[in-house]
Amino acid sequence: MDLLQPALGLFLISFIIFIIVFLILKKFAWTPILATLKEREDSITDSITTAERVKEEMAQMKAEHEHVLAEAKAERSKILKEAKDAKDMIISEAKTQAQAEAKKIISEAYTAIENQKMAALTDVKNQVGNLVIEVAEKVLRRELADKTAQEGYVKQLAGEIKLN
């Protein structure tokens, strides 16, 4: 039965050795271990704080990005609208200018036609006048073949001129 009963001397020596080892560990090992654990805990806390700050900054940057994107879309829409308005204005001006040019060309054509018509009528009148003079000359030569008839006809015309 000696196996089951502890010896008081062995127990006391083991307890003293345990206390000595405990005090040595407390002085030389426990403090550095706790300091390392505290440092690790601080490092983890700082990392969590930094991660949260970065997350907030990312959210803010995303909001700014969306705002800038919205402004860019609005600017693009504005530029497209201005371009469309400019295009419509240029087309309208070109149509107006083309219509004015067409009216001018038509007016000039009517004027040219009228001038050519008047020139043709004048030419026809001149030709008819020349033909009438030639015919009258031929008729008068035939009728006034003799000198006495001519003198009588001249006197008659002279008398009519005085009466007018």
C-alpha atoms as a PDB file:
ATOM      1  CA  MET A   1       0.000   0.000   0.000  1.00  0.00           C
ATOM      2  CA  ASP A   2       2.857   2.286  -0.020  1.00  0.00           C
ATOM      3  CA  LEU A   3       2.198   3.004  -3.625  1.00  0.00           C
ATOM      4  CA  LEU A   4      -1.047   4.679  -2.983  1.00  0.00           C
ATOM      5  CA  GLN A   5       0.114   6.887  -0.136  1.00  0.00           C
ATOM      6  CA  PRO A   6       2.335   9.752  -1.068  1.00  0.00           C
ATOM      7  CA  ALA A   7       5.427  10.379   0.904  1.00  0.00           C
ATOM      8  CA  LEU A   8       5.352  13.650   2.712  1.00  0.00           C
ATOM      9  CA  GLY A   9       8.994  14.476   1.990  1.00  0.00           C
ATOM     10  CA  LEU A  10       8.612  13.827  -1.762  1.00  0.00           C
ATOM     11  CA  PHE A  11       5.485  15.888  -1.780  1.00  0.00           C
ATOM     12  CA  LEU A  12       7.171  18.777  -0.027  1.00  0.00           C
ATOM     13  CA  ILE A  13      10.236  18.753  -2.303  1.00  0.00           C
ATOM     14  CA  SER A  14       8.043  18.568  -5.425  1.00  0.00           C
ATOM     15  CA  PHE A  15       5.973  21.480  -4.146  1.00  0.00           C
ATOM     16  CA  ILE A  16       9.074  23.600  -3.454  1.00  0.00           C
ATOM     17  CA  ILE A  17      10.525  22.801  -6.889  1.00  0.00           C
ATOM     18  CA  PHE A  18       7.184  23.698  -8.464  1.00  0.00           C
ATOM     19  CA  ILE A  19       7.124  27.054  -6.664  1.00  0.00           C
ATOM     20  CA  ILE A  20      10.726  27.803  -7.716  1.00  0.00           C
ATOM     21  CA  VAL A  21      10.023  26.892 -11.360  1.00  0.00           C
ATOM     22  CA  PHE A  22       6.812  28.894 -11.192  1.00  0.00           C
ATOM     23  CA  LEU A  23       8.620  31.997  -9.887  1.00  0.00           C
ATOM     24  CA  ILE A  24      11.413  31.651 -12.465  1.00  0.00           C
ATOM     25  CA  LEU A  25       8.882  31.264 -15.270  1.00  0.00           C
ATOM     26  CA  LYS A  26       6.875  34.169 -13.907  1.00  0.00           C
ATOM     27  CA  LYS A  27       9.878  36.450 -13.825  1.00  0.00           C
ATOM     28  CA  PHE A  28      11.599  35.441 -17.056  1.00  0.00           C
ATOM     29  CA  ALA A  29       9.005  33.838 -19.342  1.00  0.00           C
ATOM     30  CA  TRP A  30       5.511  34.908 -18.319  1.00  0.00           C
ATOM     31  CA  THR A  31       6.089  38.683 -18.700  1.00  0.00           C
ATOM     32  CA  PRO A  32       7.587  38.429 -22.225  1.00  0.00           C
ATOM     33  CA  ILE A  33       4.806  36.045 -23.267  1.00  0.00           C
ATOM     34  CA  LEU A  34       2.130  38.448 -21.967  1.00  0.00           C
ATOM     35  CA  ALA A  35       3.911  41.384 -23.613  1.00  0.00           C
ATOM     36  CA  THR A  36       3.994  39.504 -26.924  1.00  0.00           C
ATOM     37  CA  LEU A  37       0.306  38.608 -26.578  1.00  0.00           C
ATOM     38  CA  LYS A  38      -0.535  42.247 -25.742  1.00  0.00           C
ATOM     39  CA  GLU A  39       1.488  43.418 -28.754  1.00  0.00           C
ATOM     40  CA  ARG A  40      -0.300  40.892 -30.968  1.00  0.00           C
ATOM     41  CA  GLU A  41      -3.677  42.013 -29.609  1.00  0.00           C
ATOM     42  CA  ASP A  42      -2.800  45.671 -30.292  1.00  0.00           C
ATOM     43  CA  SER A  43      -1.619  44.777 -33.793  1.00  0.00           C
ATOM     44  CA  ILE A  44      -4.896  42.954 -34.531  1.00  0.00           C
ATOM     45  CA  THR A  45      -6.917  45.886 -33.133  1.00  0.00           C
ATOM     46  CA  ASP A  46      -4.947  48.339 -35.284  1.00  0.00           C
ATOM     47  CA  SER A  47      -5.444  46.131 -38.331  1.00  0.00           C
ATOM     48  CA  ILE A  48      -9.199  45.957 -37.707  1.00  0.00           C
ATOM     49  CA  THR A  49      -9.352  49.751 -37.253  1.00  0.00           C
ATOM     50  CA  THR A  50      -7.329  50.300 -40.421  1.00  0.00           C
ATOM     51  CA  ALA A  51      -9.534  47.860 -42.347  1.00  0.00           C
ATOM     52  CA  GLU A  52     -12.681  49.661 -41.174  1.00  0.00           C
ATOM     53  CA  ARG A  53     -11.176  53.050 -42.118  1.00  0.00           C
ATOM     54  CA  VAL A  54     -10.162  51.698 -45.548  1.00  0.00           C
ATOM     55  CA  LYS A  55     -13.657  50.262 -45.980  1.00  0.00           C
ATOM     56  CA  GLU A  56     -15.171  53.678 -45.194  1.00  0.00           C
ATOM     57  CA  GLU A  57     -12.744  55.379 -47.575  1.00  0.00           C
ATOM     58  CA  MET A  58     -13.627  52.864 -50.296  1.00  0.00           C
ATOM     59  CA  ALA A  59     -17.328  53.528 -49.748  1.00  0.00           C
ATOM     60  CA  GLN A  60     -16.665  57.276 -49.947  1.00  0.00           C
ATOM     61  CA  MET A  61     -14.548  56.827 -53.083  1.00  0.00           C
ATOM     62  CA  LYS A  62     -17.291  54.699 -54.627  1.00  0.00           C
ATOM     63  CA  ALA A  63     -19.847  57.418 -53.886  1.00  0.00           C
ATOM     64  CA  GLU A  64     -17.521  60.041 -55.397  1.00  0.00           C
ATOM     65  CA  HIS A  65     -16.952  57.802 -58.414  1.00  0.00           C
ATOM     66  CA  GLU A  66     -20.698  57.394 -58.928  1.00  0.00           C
ATOM     67  CA  HIS A  67     -21.150  61.159 -58.571  1.00  0.00           C
ATOM     68  CA  VAL A  68     -18.397  61.857 -61.127  1.00  0.00           C
ATOM     69  CA  LEU A  69     -19.887  59.232 -63.442  1.00  0.00           C
ATOM     70  CA  ALA A  70     -23.318  60.858 -63.163  1.00  0.00           C
ATOM     71  CA  GLU A  71     -21.782  64.264 -63.918  1.00  0.00           C
ATOM     72  CA  ALA A  72     -19.952  62.804 -66.929  1.00  0.00           C
ATOM     73  CA  LYS A  73     -23.184  61.287 -68.231  1.00  0.00           C
ATOM     74  CA  ALA A  74     -24.976  64.605 -67.783  1.00  0.00           C
ATOM     75  CA  GLU A  75     -22.143  66.425 -69.561  1.00  0.00           C
ATOM     76  CA  ARG A  76     -22.234  63.873 -72.391  1.00  0.00           C
ATOM     77  CA  SER A  77     -25.987  64.339 -72.756  1.00  0.00           C
ATOM     78  CA  LYS A  78     -25.547  68.111 -72.785  1.00  0.00           C
ATOM     79  CA  ILE A  79     -22.815  67.925 -75.445  1.00  0.00           C
ATOM     80  CA  LEU A  80     -24.904  65.559 -77.591  1.00  0.00           C
ATOM     81  CA  LYS A  81     -27.904  67.885 -77.302  1.00  0.00           C
ATOM     82  CA  GLU A  82     -25.768  70.892 -78.270  1.00  0.00           C
ATOM     83  CA  ALA A  83     -24.344  68.957 -81.226  1.00  0.00           C
ATOM     84  CA  LYS A  84     -27.849  67.960 -82.352  1.00  0.00           C
ATOM     85  CA  ASP A  85     -29.073  71.543 -82.028  1.00  0.00           C
ATOM     86  CA  ALA A  86     -26.061  72.781 -84.004  1.00  0.00           C
ATOM     87  CA  LYS A  87     -26.695  70.142 -86.675  1.00  0.00           C
ATOM     88  CA  ASP A  88     -30.366  71.124 -86.930  1.00  0.00           C
ATOM     89  CA  MET A  89     -29.446  74.803 -87.111  1.00  0.00           C
ATOM     90  CA  ILE A  90     -26.845  74.177 -89.846  1.00  0.00           C
ATOM     91  CA  ILE A  91     -29.332  72.084 -91.836  1.00  0.00           C
ATOM     92  CA  SER A  92     -32.009  74.774 -91.427  1.00  0.00           C
ATOM     93  CA  GLU A  93     -29.588  77.507 -92.510  1.00  0.00           C
ATOM     94  CA  ALA A  94     -28.474  75.409 -95.482  1.00  0.00           C
ATOM     95  CA  LYS A  95     -32.111  74.849 -96.530  1.00  0.00           C
ATOM     96  CA  THR A  96     -32.901  78.538 -96.177  1.00  0.00           C
ATOM     97  CA  GLN A  97     -29.795  79.490 -98.123  1.00  0.00           C
ATOM     98  CA  ALA A  98     -30.561  76.899-100.824  1.00  0.00           C
ATOM     99  CA  GLN A  99     -34.135  78.193-101.141  1.00  0.00           C
ATOM    100  CA  ALA A 100     -32.906  81.772-101.402  1.00  0.00           C
ATOM    101  CA  GLU A 101     -30.321  80.727-103.992  1.00  0.00           C
ATOM    102  CA  ALA A 102     -32.991  78.814-105.937  1.00  0.00           C
ATOM    103  CA  LYS A 103     -35.302  81.847-105.881  1.00  0.00           C
ATOM    104  CA  LYS A 104     -32.426  84.038-107.069  1.00  0.00           C
ATOM    105  CA  ILE A 105     -31.567  81.631-109.892  1.00  0.00           C
ATOM    106  CA  ILE A 106     -35.243  81.374-110.930  1.00  0.00           C
ATOM    107  CA  SER A 107     -35.586  85.180-110.829  1.00  0.00           C
ATOM    108  CA  GLU A 108     -32.450  85.594-112.922  1.00  0.00           C
ATOM    109  CA  ALA A 109     -33.736  82.960-115.352  1.00  0.00           C
ATOM    110  CA  TYR A 110     -37.096  84.782-115.676  1.00  0.00           C
ATOM    111  CA  THR A 111     -35.237  88.057-116.240  1.00  0.00           C
ATOM    112  CA  ALA A 112     -32.977  86.452-118.855  1.00  0.00           C
ATOM    113  CA  ILE A 113     -35.997  84.875-120.573  1.00  0.00           C
ATOM    114  CA  GLU A 114     -37.830  88.206-120.537  1.00  0.00           C
ATOM    115  CA  ASN A 115     -34.771  89.999-121.949  1.00  0.00           C
ATOM    116  CA  GLN A 116     -34.371  87.387-124.679  1.00  0.00           C
ATOM    117  CA  LYS A 117     -38.099  87.594-125.426  1.00  0.00           C
ATOM    118  CA  MET A 118     -37.895  91.387-125.711  1.00  0.00           C
ATOM    119  CA  ALA A 119     -34.797  91.099-127.908  1.00  0.00           C
ATOM    120  CA  ALA A 120     -36.542  88.542-130.108  1.00  0.00           C
ATOM    121  CA  LEU A 121     -39.662  90.717-130.355  1.00  0.00           C
ATOM    122  CA  THR A 122     -37.534  93.750-131.190  1.00  0.00           C
ATOM    123  CA  ASP A 123     -35.685  91.725-133.807  1.00  0.00           C
ATOM    124  CA  VAL A 124     -38.984  90.470-135.278  1.00  0.00           C
ATOM    125  CA  LYS A 125     -40.391  94.020-135.308  1.00  0.00           C
ATOM    126  CA  ASN A 126     -37.244  95.286-137.027  1.00  0.00           C
ATOM    127  CA  GLN A 127     -37.424  92.508-139.601  1.00  0.00           C
ATOM    128  CA  VAL A 128     -41.159  93.113-140.161  1.00  0.00           C
ATOM    129  CA  GLY A 129     -40.450  96.855-140.462  1.00  0.00           C
ATOM    130  CA  ASN A 130     -37.689  96.174-142.979  1.00  0.00           C
ATOM    131  CA  LEU A 131     -39.959  93.835-144.935  1.00  0.00           C
ATOM    132  CA  VAL A 132     -42.770  96.402-144.900  1.00  0.00           C
ATOM    133  CA  ILE A 133     -40.373  99.071-146.135  1.00  0.00           C
ATOM    134  CA  GLU A 134     -39.084  96.791-148.883  1.00  0.00           C
ATOM    135  CA  VAL A 135     -42.606  95.819-149.938  1.00  0.00           C
ATOM    136  CA  ALA A 136     -43.744  99.444-149.800  1.00  0.00           C
ATOM    137  CA  GLU A 137     -40.700 100.486-151.785  1.00  0.00           C
ATOM    138  CA  LYS A 138     -41.387  97.864-154.422  1.00  0.00           C
ATOM    139  CA  VAL A 139     -45.074  98.778-154.565  1.00  0.00           C
ATOM    140  CA  LEU A 140     -44.279 102.486-154.860  1.00  0.00           C
ATOM    141  CA  ARG A 141     -41.684 101.910-157.563  1.00  0.00           C
ATOM    142  CA  ARG A 142     -44.182 100.013-159.575  1.00  0.00           C
ATOM    143  CA  GLU A 143     -46.972 102.559-159.092  1.00  0.00           C
ATOM    144  CA  LEU A 144     -44.731 105.547-159.448  1.00  0.00           C
ATOM    145  CA  ALA A 145     -42.840 104.393-162.414  1.00  0.00           C
ATOM    146  CA  ASP A 146     -43.286 107.646-164.165  1.00  0.00           C
ATOM    147  CA  LYS A 147     -41.986 110.972-162.943  1.00  0.00           C
ATOM    148  CA  THR A 148     -45.229 112.916-162.971  1.00  0.00           C
ATOM    149  CA  ALA A 149     -47.005 110.394-160.766  1.00  0.00           C
ATOM    150  CA  GLN A 150     -44.172 110.590-158.285  1.00  0.00           C
ATOM    151  CA  GLU A 151     -44.266 114.349-158.087  1.00  0.00           C
ATOM    152  CA  GLY A 152     -48.016 114.301-157.549  1.00  0.00           C
ATOM    153  CA  TYR A 153     -47.766 111.724-154.814  1.00  0.00           C
ATOM    154  CA  VAL A 154     -44.989 113.730-153.054  1.00  0.00           C
ATOM    155  CA  LYS A 155     -47.151 116.867-153.165  1.00  0.00           C
ATOM    156  CA  GLN A 156     -50.081 114.929-151.715  1.00  0.00           C
ATOM    157  CA  LEU A 157     -47.928 113.624-148.863  1.00  0.00           C
ATOM    158  CA  ALA A 158     -46.552 117.072-148.212  1.00  0.00           C
ATOM    159  CA  GLY A 159     -50.064 118.411-148.010  1.00  0.00           C
ATOM    160  CA  GLU A 160     -51.102 115.720-145.540  1.00  0.00           C
ATOM    161  CA  ILE A 161     -48.092 116.466-143.326  1.00  0.00           C
ATOM    162  CA  LYS A 162     -49.043 120.094-143.096  1.00  0.00           C
ATOM    163  CA  LEU A 163     -52.594 119.155-142.175  1.00  0.00           C
ATOM    164  CA  ASN A 164     -51.527 116.906-139.333  1.00  0.00           C
END
